[in-house]
Amino acid sequence: MRKETVDVKSKGSVLGTIEVSVYESLDEAANAIGEDKALAHINRQVRADAMNAFRAAHTREKSPVARLMAAAKADPSIKEKIEELLASIT
């Protein structure tokens, strides 16, 4: 097991840092936090990854930003118009 320091962020700002354990194997994790808890953590992350993948497949393609990106990629004149609009509001 090793320790890793990570930033805790909210709305893009760093609130602080925390130190977390990074386990090198399933056995190490099970020994450190217990097999039931290790399995619960794994199952929770597998579920979250599946939900995030499903959400991305059903929302990103339809989002206004994704549609603008696709349009800009397909037509350079649209990219120029988007850049002009962004320049006018920043």
PDB file of N, CA and C in Angstrom:
ATOM      1  N   MET A   1       0.851  -1.177   0.000  1.00  0.00           N
ATOM      2  CA  MET A   1       0.000   0.000   0.000  1.00  0.00           C
ATOM      3  C   MET A   1       0.889   1.229   0.000  1.00  0.00           C
ATOM      4  N   ARG A   2       0.424   2.218  -0.726  1.00  0.00           N
ATOM      5  CA  ARG A   2       1.117   3.501  -0.705  1.00  0.00           C
ATOM      6  C   ARG A   2       0.101   4.587  -0.423  1.00  0.00           C
ATOM      7  N   LYS A   3       0.574   5.733  -0.093  1.00  0.00           N
ATOM      8  CA  LYS A   3      -0.291   6.880   0.156  1.00  0.00           C
ATOM      9  C   LYS A   3      -0.154   7.851  -1.016  1.00  0.00           C
ATOM     10  N   GLU A   4      -1.250   8.508  -1.327  1.00  0.00           N
ATOM     11  CA  GLU A   4      -1.275   9.484  -2.417  1.00  0.00           C
ATOM     12  C   GLU A   4      -2.007  10.716  -1.928  1.00  0.00           C
ATOM     13  N   THR A   5      -1.495  11.868  -2.254  1.00  0.00           N
ATOM     14  CA  THR A   5      -2.146  13.122  -1.891  1.00  0.00           C
ATOM     15  C   THR A   5      -2.936  13.621  -3.090  1.00  0.00           C
ATOM     16  N   VAL A   6      -4.202  13.937  -2.855  1.00  0.00           N
ATOM     17  CA  VAL A   6      -5.069  14.396  -3.943  1.00  0.00           C
ATOM     18  C   VAL A   6      -5.767  15.692  -3.541  1.00  0.00           C
ATOM     19  N   ASP A   7      -6.051  16.508  -4.535  1.00  0.00           N
ATOM     20  CA  ASP A   7      -6.792  17.748  -4.304  1.00  0.00           C
ATOM     21  C   ASP A   7      -8.276  17.430  -4.200  1.00  0.00           C
ATOM     22  N   VAL A   8      -8.944  18.114  -3.295  1.00  0.00           N
ATOM     23  CA  VAL A   8     -10.404  18.043  -3.195  1.00  0.00           C
ATOM     24  C   VAL A   8     -10.919  19.354  -3.782  1.00  0.00           C
ATOM     25  N   LYS A   9     -11.702  19.244  -4.862  1.00  0.00           N
ATOM     26  CA  LYS A   9     -12.167  20.425  -5.574  1.00  0.00           C
ATOM     27  C   LYS A   9     -13.674  20.572  -5.490  1.00  0.00           C
ATOM     28  N   SER A  10     -14.116  21.806  -5.610  1.00  0.00           N
ATOM     29  CA  SER A  10     -15.527  22.118  -5.742  1.00  0.00           C
ATOM     30  C   SER A  10     -15.645  23.296  -6.695  1.00  0.00           C
ATOM     31  N   LYS A  11     -16.416  23.103  -7.741  1.00  0.00           N
ATOM     32  CA  LYS A  11     -16.621  24.146  -8.747  1.00  0.00           C
ATOM     33  C   LYS A  11     -15.298  24.666  -9.292  1.00  0.00           C
ATOM     34  N   GLY A  12     -14.326  23.776  -9.465  1.00  0.00           N
ATOM     35  CA  GLY A  12     -13.047  24.144 -10.048  1.00  0.00           C
ATOM     36  C   GLY A  12     -12.026  24.685  -9.075  1.00  0.00           C
ATOM     37  N   SER A  13     -12.425  24.992  -7.870  1.00  0.00           N
ATOM     38  CA  SER A  13     -11.493  25.525  -6.872  1.00  0.00           C
ATOM     39  C   SER A  13     -11.060  24.421  -5.922  1.00  0.00           C
ATOM     40  N   VAL A  14      -9.792  24.448  -5.551  1.00  0.00           N
ATOM     41  CA  VAL A  14      -9.263  23.463  -4.615  1.00  0.00           C
ATOM     42  C   VAL A  14      -9.644  23.874  -3.198  1.00  0.00           C
ATOM     43  N   LEU A  15     -10.372  22.987  -2.525  1.00  0.00           N
ATOM     44  CA  LEU A  15     -10.764  23.230  -1.137  1.00  0.00           C
ATOM     45  C   LEU A  15      -9.656  22.836  -0.176  1.00  0.00           C
ATOM     46  N   GLY A  16      -8.871  21.848  -0.566  1.00  0.00           N
ATOM     47  CA  GLY A  16      -7.794  21.342   0.276  1.00  0.00           C
ATOM     48  C   GLY A  16      -7.252  20.064  -0.314  1.00  0.00           C
ATOM     49  N   THR A  17      -6.368  19.423   0.425  1.00  0.00           N
ATOM     50  CA  THR A  17      -5.811  18.159  -0.023  1.00  0.00           C
ATOM     51  C   THR A  17      -6.036  17.103   1.050  1.00  0.00           C
ATOM     52  N   ILE A  18      -6.136  15.863   0.595  1.00  0.00           N
ATOM     53  CA  ILE A  18      -6.274  14.745   1.529  1.00  0.00           C
ATOM     54  C   ILE A  18      -5.291  13.654   1.117  1.00  0.00           C
ATOM     55  N   GLU A  19      -4.971  12.802   2.063  1.00  0.00           N
ATOM     56  CA  GLU A  19      -4.124  11.658   1.782  1.00  0.00           C
ATOM     57  C   GLU A  19      -5.001  10.416   1.742  1.00  0.00           C
ATOM     58  N   VAL A  20      -4.864   9.630   0.675  1.00  0.00           N
ATOM     59  CA  VAL A  20      -5.670   8.425   0.519  1.00  0.00           C
ATOM     60  C   VAL A  20      -4.755   7.214   0.343  1.00  0.00           C
ATOM     61  N   SER A  21      -5.264   6.061   0.732  1.00  0.00           N
ATOM     62  CA  SER A  21      -4.540   4.808   0.552  1.00  0.00           C
ATOM     63  C   SER A  21      -4.756   4.301  -0.865  1.00  0.00           C
ATOM     64  N   VAL A  22      -3.693   3.829  -1.493  1.00  0.00           N
ATOM     65  CA  VAL A  22      -3.772   3.204  -2.804  1.00  0.00           C
ATOM     66  C   VAL A  22      -3.248   1.785  -2.630  1.00  0.00           C
ATOM     67  N   TYR A  23      -4.141   0.814  -2.782  1.00  0.00           N
ATOM     68  CA  TYR A  23      -3.792  -0.587  -2.569  1.00  0.00           C
ATOM     69  C   TYR A  23      -3.216  -1.179  -3.841  1.00  0.00           C
ATOM     70  N   GLU A  24      -2.252  -2.049  -3.678  1.00  0.00           N
ATOM     71  CA  GLU A  24      -1.562  -2.665  -4.814  1.00  0.00           C
ATOM     72  C   GLU A  24      -2.224  -3.964  -5.268  1.00  0.00           C
ATOM     73  N   SER A  25      -3.124  -4.520  -4.456  1.00  0.00           N
ATOM     74  CA  SER A  25      -3.791  -5.762  -4.832  1.00  0.00           C
ATOM     75  C   SER A  25      -5.122  -5.862  -4.092  1.00  0.00           C
ATOM     76  N   LEU A  26      -5.964  -6.749  -4.576  1.00  0.00           N
ATOM     77  CA  LEU A  26      -7.243  -6.986  -3.908  1.00  0.00           C
ATOM     78  C   LEU A  26      -7.026  -7.563  -2.513  1.00  0.00           C
ATOM     79  N   ASP A  27      -6.066  -8.458  -2.388  1.00  0.00           N
ATOM     80  CA  ASP A  27      -5.778  -9.039  -1.077  1.00  0.00           C
ATOM     81  C   ASP A  27      -5.355  -7.963  -0.087  1.00  0.00           C
ATOM     82  N   GLU A  28      -4.512  -7.058  -0.536  1.00  0.00           N
ATOM     83  CA  GLU A  28      -4.052  -5.982   0.336  1.00  0.00           C
ATOM     84  C   GLU A  28      -5.223  -5.115   0.789  1.00  0.00           C
ATOM     85  N   ALA A  29      -6.120  -4.791  -0.136  1.00  0.00           N
ATOM     86  CA  ALA A  29      -7.291  -3.985   0.211  1.00  0.00           C
ATOM     87  C   ALA A  29      -8.190  -4.729   1.182  1.00  0.00           C
ATOM     88  N   ALA A  30      -8.442  -6.008   0.911  1.00  0.00           N
ATOM     89  CA  ALA A  30      -9.313  -6.805   1.779  1.00  0.00           C
ATOM     90  C   ALA A  30      -8.718  -6.914   3.180  1.00  0.00           C
ATOM     91  N   ASN A  31      -7.407  -7.079   3.270  1.00  0.00           N
ATOM     92  CA  ASN A  31      -6.759  -7.162   4.578  1.00  0.00           C
ATOM     93  C   ASN A  31      -6.807  -5.839   5.326  1.00  0.00           C
ATOM     94  N   ALA A  32      -6.718  -4.733   4.584  1.00  0.00           N
ATOM     95  CA  ALA A  32      -6.677  -3.417   5.227  1.00  0.00           C
ATOM     96  C   ALA A  32      -8.052  -2.939   5.681  1.00  0.00           C
ATOM     97  N   ILE A  33      -9.064  -3.126   4.837  1.00  0.00           N
ATOM     98  CA  ILE A  33     -10.384  -2.567   5.172  1.00  0.00           C
ATOM     99  C   ILE A  33     -11.464  -3.626   5.345  1.00  0.00           C
ATOM    100  N   GLY A  34     -11.110  -4.872   5.120  1.00  0.00           N
ATOM    101  CA  GLY A  34     -12.076  -5.960   5.240  1.00  0.00           C
ATOM    102  C   GLY A  34     -12.636  -6.336   3.880  1.00  0.00           C
ATOM    103  N   GLU A  35     -12.865  -7.635   3.704  1.00  0.00           N
ATOM    104  CA  GLU A  35     -13.327  -8.138   2.416  1.00  0.00           C
ATOM    105  C   GLU A  35     -14.690  -7.578   2.024  1.00  0.00           C
ATOM    106  N   ASP A  36     -15.619  -7.510   2.978  1.00  0.00           N
ATOM    107  CA  ASP A  36     -16.965  -7.000   2.670  1.00  0.00           C
ATOM    108  C   ASP A  36     -16.911  -5.542   2.210  1.00  0.00           C
ATOM    109  N   LYS A  37     -16.123  -4.732   2.915  1.00  0.00           N
ATOM    110  CA  LYS A  37     -16.022  -3.312   2.562  1.00  0.00           C
ATOM    111  C   LYS A  37     -15.310  -3.141   1.218  1.00  0.00           C
ATOM    112  N   ALA A  38     -14.261  -3.929   0.979  1.00  0.00           N
ATOM    113  CA  ALA A  38     -13.543  -3.851  -0.298  1.00  0.00           C
ATOM    114  C   ALA A  38     -14.482  -4.206  -1.451  1.00  0.00           C
ATOM    115  N   LEU A  39     -15.264  -5.267  -1.263  1.00  0.00           N
ATOM    116  CA  LEU A  39     -16.215  -5.676  -2.297  1.00  0.00           C
ATOM    117  C   LEU A  39     -17.294  -4.614  -2.507  1.00  0.00           C
ATOM    118  N   ALA A  40     -17.760  -4.007  -1.434  1.00  0.00           N
ATOM    119  CA  ALA A  40     -18.759  -2.946  -1.554  1.00  0.00           C
ATOM    120  C   ALA A  40     -18.199  -1.757  -2.345  1.00  0.00           C
ATOM    121  N   HIS A  41     -16.940  -1.394  -2.072  1.00  0.00           N
ATOM    122  CA  HIS A  41     -16.309  -0.294  -2.813  1.00  0.00           C
ATOM    123  C   HIS A  41     -16.172  -0.631  -4.296  1.00  0.00           C
ATOM    124  N   ILE A  42     -15.754  -1.846  -4.579  1.00  0.00           N
ATOM    125  CA  ILE A  42     -15.609  -2.271  -5.982  1.00  0.00           C
ATOM    126  C   ILE A  42     -16.960  -2.233  -6.682  1.00  0.00           C
ATOM    127  N   ASN A  43     -17.971  -2.813  -6.060  1.00  0.00           N
ATOM    128  CA  ASN A  43     -19.297  -2.842  -6.686  1.00  0.00           C
ATOM    129  C   ASN A  43     -19.871  -1.452  -6.879  1.00  0.00           C
ATOM    130  N   ARG A  44     -19.648  -0.556  -5.925  1.00  0.00           N
ATOM    131  CA  ARG A  44     -20.136   0.817  -6.062  1.00  0.00           C
ATOM    132  C   ARG A  44     -19.462   1.504  -7.248  1.00  0.00           C
ATOM    133  N   GLN A  45     -18.149   1.299  -7.420  1.00  0.00           N
ATOM    134  CA  GLN A  45     -17.446   1.945  -8.523  1.00  0.00           C
ATOM    135  C   GLN A  45     -17.831   1.343  -9.862  1.00  0.00           C
ATOM    136  N   VAL A  46     -18.013   0.028  -9.918  1.00  0.00           N
ATOM    137  CA  VAL A  46     -18.464  -0.614 -11.160  1.00  0.00           C
ATOM    138  C   VAL A  46     -19.823  -0.054 -11.567  1.00  0.00           C
ATOM    139  N   ARG A  47     -20.734   0.086 -10.600  1.00  0.00           N
ATOM    140  CA  ARG A  47     -22.062   0.646 -10.867  1.00  0.00           C
ATOM    141  C   ARG A  47     -21.947   2.092 -11.350  1.00  0.00           C
ATOM    142  N   ALA A  48     -21.105   2.900 -10.688  1.00  0.00           N
ATOM    143  CA  ALA A  48     -20.941   4.303 -11.078  1.00  0.00           C
ATOM    144  C   ALA A  48     -20.355   4.415 -12.483  1.00  0.00           C
ATOM    145  N   ASP A  49     -19.362   3.578 -12.800  1.00  0.00           N
ATOM    146  CA  ASP A  49     -18.770   3.610 -14.143  1.00  0.00           C
ATOM    147  C   ASP A  49     -19.802   3.255 -15.210  1.00  0.00           C
ATOM    148  N   ALA A  50     -20.626   2.233 -14.933  1.00  0.00           N
ATOM    149  CA  ALA A  50     -21.656   1.831 -15.897  1.00  0.00           C
ATOM    150  C   ALA A  50     -22.689   2.936 -16.083  1.00  0.00           C
ATOM    151  N   MET A  51     -23.109   3.552 -14.983  1.00  0.00           N
ATOM    152  CA  MET A  51     -24.081   4.644 -15.071  1.00  0.00           C
ATOM    153  C   MET A  51     -23.502   5.840 -15.820  1.00  0.00           C
ATOM    154  N   ASN A  52     -22.246   6.179 -15.563  1.00  0.00           N
ATOM    155  CA  ASN A  52     -21.602   7.302 -16.251  1.00  0.00           C
ATOM    156  C   ASN A  52     -21.472   7.036 -17.745  1.00  0.00           C
ATOM    157  N   ALA A  53     -21.122   5.804 -18.117  1.00  0.00           N
ATOM    158  CA  ALA A  53     -21.014   5.463 -19.533  1.00  0.00           C
ATOM    159  C   ALA A  53     -22.374   5.560 -20.222  1.00  0.00           C
ATOM    160  N   PHE A  54     -23.412   5.057 -19.565  1.00  0.00           N
ATOM    161  CA  PHE A  54     -24.759   5.139 -20.120  1.00  0.00           C
ATOM    162  C   PHE A  54     -25.187   6.594 -20.264  1.00  0.00           C
ATOM    163  N   ARG A  55     -24.961   7.387 -19.212  1.00  0.00           N
ATOM    164  CA  ARG A  55     -25.334   8.806 -19.231  1.00  0.00           C
ATOM    165  C   ARG A  55     -24.623   9.528 -20.367  1.00  0.00           C
ATOM    166  N   ALA A  56     -23.337   9.267 -20.526  1.00  0.00           N
ATOM    167  CA  ALA A  56     -22.562   9.924 -21.577  1.00  0.00           C
ATOM    168  C   ALA A  56     -23.095   9.565 -22.959  1.00  0.00           C
ATOM    169  N   ALA A  57     -23.432   8.302 -23.144  1.00  0.00           N
ATOM    170  CA  ALA A  57     -23.929   7.867 -24.448  1.00  0.00           C
ATOM    171  C   ALA A  57     -25.283   8.484 -24.783  1.00  0.00           C
ATOM    172  N   HIS A  58     -26.049   8.850 -23.753  1.00  0.00           N
ATOM    173  CA  HIS A  58     -27.392   9.370 -23.995  1.00  0.00           C
ATOM    174  C   HIS A  58     -27.522  10.884 -23.842  1.00  0.00           C
ATOM    175  N   THR A  59     -26.483  11.543 -23.400  1.00  0.00           N
ATOM    176  CA  THR A  59     -26.596  12.992 -23.209  1.00  0.00           C
ATOM    177  C   THR A  59     -25.545  13.786 -23.955  1.00  0.00           C
ATOM    178  N   ARG A  60     -24.318  13.346 -23.967  1.00  0.00           N
ATOM    179  CA  ARG A  60     -23.258  14.140 -24.594  1.00  0.00           C
ATOM    180  C   ARG A  60     -23.484  14.345 -26.072  1.00  0.00           C
ATOM    181  N   GLU A  61     -23.971  13.310 -26.748  1.00  0.00           N
ATOM    182  CA  GLU A  61     -24.194  13.424 -28.179  1.00  0.00           C
ATOM    183  C   GLU A  61     -25.278  14.443 -28.500  1.00  0.00           C
ATOM    184  N   LYS A  62     -26.197  14.663 -27.564  1.00  0.00           N
ATOM    185  CA  LYS A  62     -27.323  15.547 -27.812  1.00  0.00           C
ATOM    186  C   LYS A  62     -27.146  16.925 -27.179  1.00  0.00           C
ATOM    187  N   SER A  63     -26.093  17.102 -26.380  1.00  0.00           N
ATOM    188  CA  SER A  63     -25.930  18.371 -25.690  1.00  0.00           C
ATOM    189  C   SER A  63     -25.625  19.477 -26.698  1.00  0.00           C
ATOM    190  N   PRO A  64     -25.984  20.707 -26.387  1.00  0.00           N
ATOM    191  CA  PRO A  64     -25.694  21.816 -27.298  1.00  0.00           C
ATOM    192  C   PRO A  64     -24.203  21.963 -27.573  1.00  0.00           C
ATOM    193  N   VAL A  65     -23.384  21.745 -26.583  1.00  0.00           N
ATOM    194  CA  VAL A  65     -21.940  21.866 -26.777  1.00  0.00           C
ATOM    195  C   VAL A  65     -21.450  20.796 -27.745  1.00  0.00           C
ATOM    196  N   ALA A  66     -21.900  19.564 -27.558  1.00  0.00           N
ATOM    197  CA  ALA A  66     -21.498  18.481 -28.460  1.00  0.00           C
ATOM    198  C   ALA A  66     -21.978  18.753 -29.880  1.00  0.00           C
ATOM    199  N   ARG A  67     -23.189  19.278 -30.017  1.00  0.00           N
ATOM    200  CA  ARG A  67     -23.705  19.591 -31.348  1.00  0.00           C
ATOM    201  C   ARG A  67     -22.897  20.703 -32.006  1.00  0.00           C
ATOM    202  N   LEU A  68     -22.528  21.716 -31.221  1.00  0.00           N
ATOM    203  CA  LEU A  68     -21.688  22.789 -31.770  1.00  0.00           C
ATOM    204  C   LEU A  68     -20.321  22.273 -32.184  1.00  0.00           C
ATOM    205  N   MET A  69     -19.741  21.406 -31.359  1.00  0.00           N
ATOM    206  CA  MET A  69     -18.427  20.847 -31.686  1.00  0.00           C
ATOM    207  C   MET A  69     -18.492  20.034 -32.977  1.00  0.00           C
ATOM    208  N   ALA A  70     -19.531  19.239 -33.131  1.00  0.00           N
ATOM    209  CA  ALA A  70     -19.680  18.435 -34.338  1.00  0.00           C
ATOM    210  C   ALA A  70     -19.884  19.318 -35.557  1.00  0.00           C
ATOM    211  N   ALA A  71     -20.692  20.354 -35.414  1.00  0.00           N
ATOM    212  CA  ALA A  71     -20.945  21.271 -36.533  1.00  0.00           C
ATOM    213  C   ALA A  71     -19.664  22.013 -36.923  1.00  0.00           C
ATOM    214  N   ALA A  72     -18.908  22.444 -35.930  1.00  0.00           N
ATOM    215  CA  ALA A  72     -17.663  23.173 -36.197  1.00  0.00           C
ATOM    216  C   ALA A  72     -16.647  22.268 -36.881  1.00  0.00           C
ATOM    217  N   LYS A  73     -16.622  21.012 -36.489  1.00  0.00           N
ATOM    218  CA  LYS A  73     -15.697  20.064 -37.102  1.00  0.00           C
ATOM    219  C   LYS A  73     -16.074  19.811 -38.558  1.00  0.00           C
ATOM    220  N   ALA A  74     -17.363  19.787 -38.833  1.00  0.00           N
ATOM    221  CA  ALA A  74     -17.844  19.504 -40.184  1.00  0.00           C
ATOM    222  C   ALA A  74     -17.747  20.707 -41.114  1.00  0.00           C
ATOM    223  N   ASP A  75     -17.812  21.915 -40.565  1.00  0.00           N
ATOM    224  CA  ASP A  75     -17.856  23.117 -41.393  1.00  0.00           C
ATOM    225  C   ASP A  75     -17.009  24.216 -40.766  1.00  0.00           C
ATOM    226  N   PRO A  76     -15.857  24.544 -41.383  1.00  0.00           N
ATOM    227  CA  PRO A  76     -14.966  25.572 -40.818  1.00  0.00           C
ATOM    228  C   PRO A  76     -15.630  26.943 -40.649  1.00  0.00           C
ATOM    229  N   SER A  77     -16.606  27.261 -41.469  1.00  0.00           N
ATOM    230  CA  SER A  77     -17.269  28.562 -41.330  1.00  0.00           C
ATOM    231  C   SER A  77     -18.071  28.628 -40.034  1.00  0.00           C
ATOM    232  N   ILE A  78     -18.609  27.501 -39.616  1.00  0.00           N
ATOM    233  CA  ILE A  78     -19.334  27.467 -38.339  1.00  0.00           C
ATOM    234  C   ILE A  78     -18.358  27.647 -37.190  1.00  0.00           C
ATOM    235  N   LYS A  79     -17.176  27.037 -37.302  1.00  0.00           N
ATOM    236  CA  LYS A  79     -16.155  27.212 -36.264  1.00  0.00           C
ATOM    237  C   LYS A  79     -15.796  28.684 -36.121  1.00  0.00           C
ATOM    238  N   GLU A  80     -15.645  29.381 -37.239  1.00  0.00           N
ATOM    239  CA  GLU A  80     -15.329  30.811 -37.201  1.00  0.00           C
ATOM    240  C   GLU A  80     -16.438  31.598 -36.515  1.00  0.00           C
ATOM    241  N   LYS A  81     -17.683  31.275 -36.815  1.00  0.00           N
ATOM    242  CA  LYS A  81     -18.819  31.963 -36.190  1.00  0.00           C
ATOM    243  C   LYS A  81     -18.848  31.719 -34.681  1.00  0.00           C
ATOM    244  N   ILE A  82     -18.554  30.494 -34.272  1.00  0.00           N
ATOM    245  CA  ILE A  82     -18.526  30.181 -32.835  1.00  0.00           C
ATOM    246  C   ILE A  82     -17.412  30.984 -32.162  1.00  0.00           C
ATOM    247  N   GLU A  83     -16.247  31.027 -32.786  1.00  0.00           N
ATOM    248  CA  GLU A  83     -15.123  31.782 -32.216  1.00  0.00           C
ATOM    249  C   GLU A  83     -15.454  33.270 -32.115  1.00  0.00           C
ATOM    250  N   GLU A  84     -16.126  33.807 -33.124  1.00  0.00           N
ATOM    251  CA  GLU A  84     -16.544  35.215 -33.091  1.00  0.00           C
ATOM    252  C   GLU A  84     -17.521  35.451 -31.935  1.00  0.00           C
ATOM    253  N   LEU A  85     -18.465  34.560 -31.780  1.00  0.00           N
ATOM    254  CA  LEU A  85     -19.440  34.686 -30.692  1.00  0.00           C
ATOM    255  C   LEU A  85     -18.738  34.629 -29.349  1.00  0.00           C
ATOM    256  N   LEU A  86     -17.844  33.674 -29.171  1.00  0.00           N
ATOM    257  CA  LEU A  86     -17.118  33.579 -27.904  1.00  0.00           C
ATOM    258  C   LEU A  86     -16.298  34.812 -27.625  1.00  0.00           C
ATOM    259  N   ALA A  87     -15.670  35.350 -28.655  1.00  0.00           N
ATOM    260  CA  ALA A  87     -14.862  36.564 -28.480  1.00  0.00           C
ATOM    261  C   ALA A  87     -15.730  37.747 -28.069  1.00  0.00           C
ATOM    262  N   SER A  88     -16.961  37.778 -28.543  1.00  0.00           N
ATOM    263  CA  SER A  88     -17.842  38.905 -28.228  1.00  0.00           C
ATOM    264  C   SER A  88     -18.395  38.855 -26.802  1.00  0.00           C
ATOM    265  N   ILE A  89     -18.356  37.676 -26.174  1.00  0.00           N
ATOM    266  CA  ILE A  89     -18.925  37.575 -24.830  1.00  0.00           C
ATOM    267  C   ILE A  89     -17.873  37.430 -23.730  1.00  0.00           C
ATOM    268  N   THR A  90     -16.620  37.366 -24.127  1.00  0.00           N
ATOM    269  CA  THR A  90     -15.576  37.252 -23.088  1.00  0.00           C
ATOM    270  C   THR A  90     -14.778  38.501 -22.959  1.00  0.00           C
TER     271      THR A  90
END
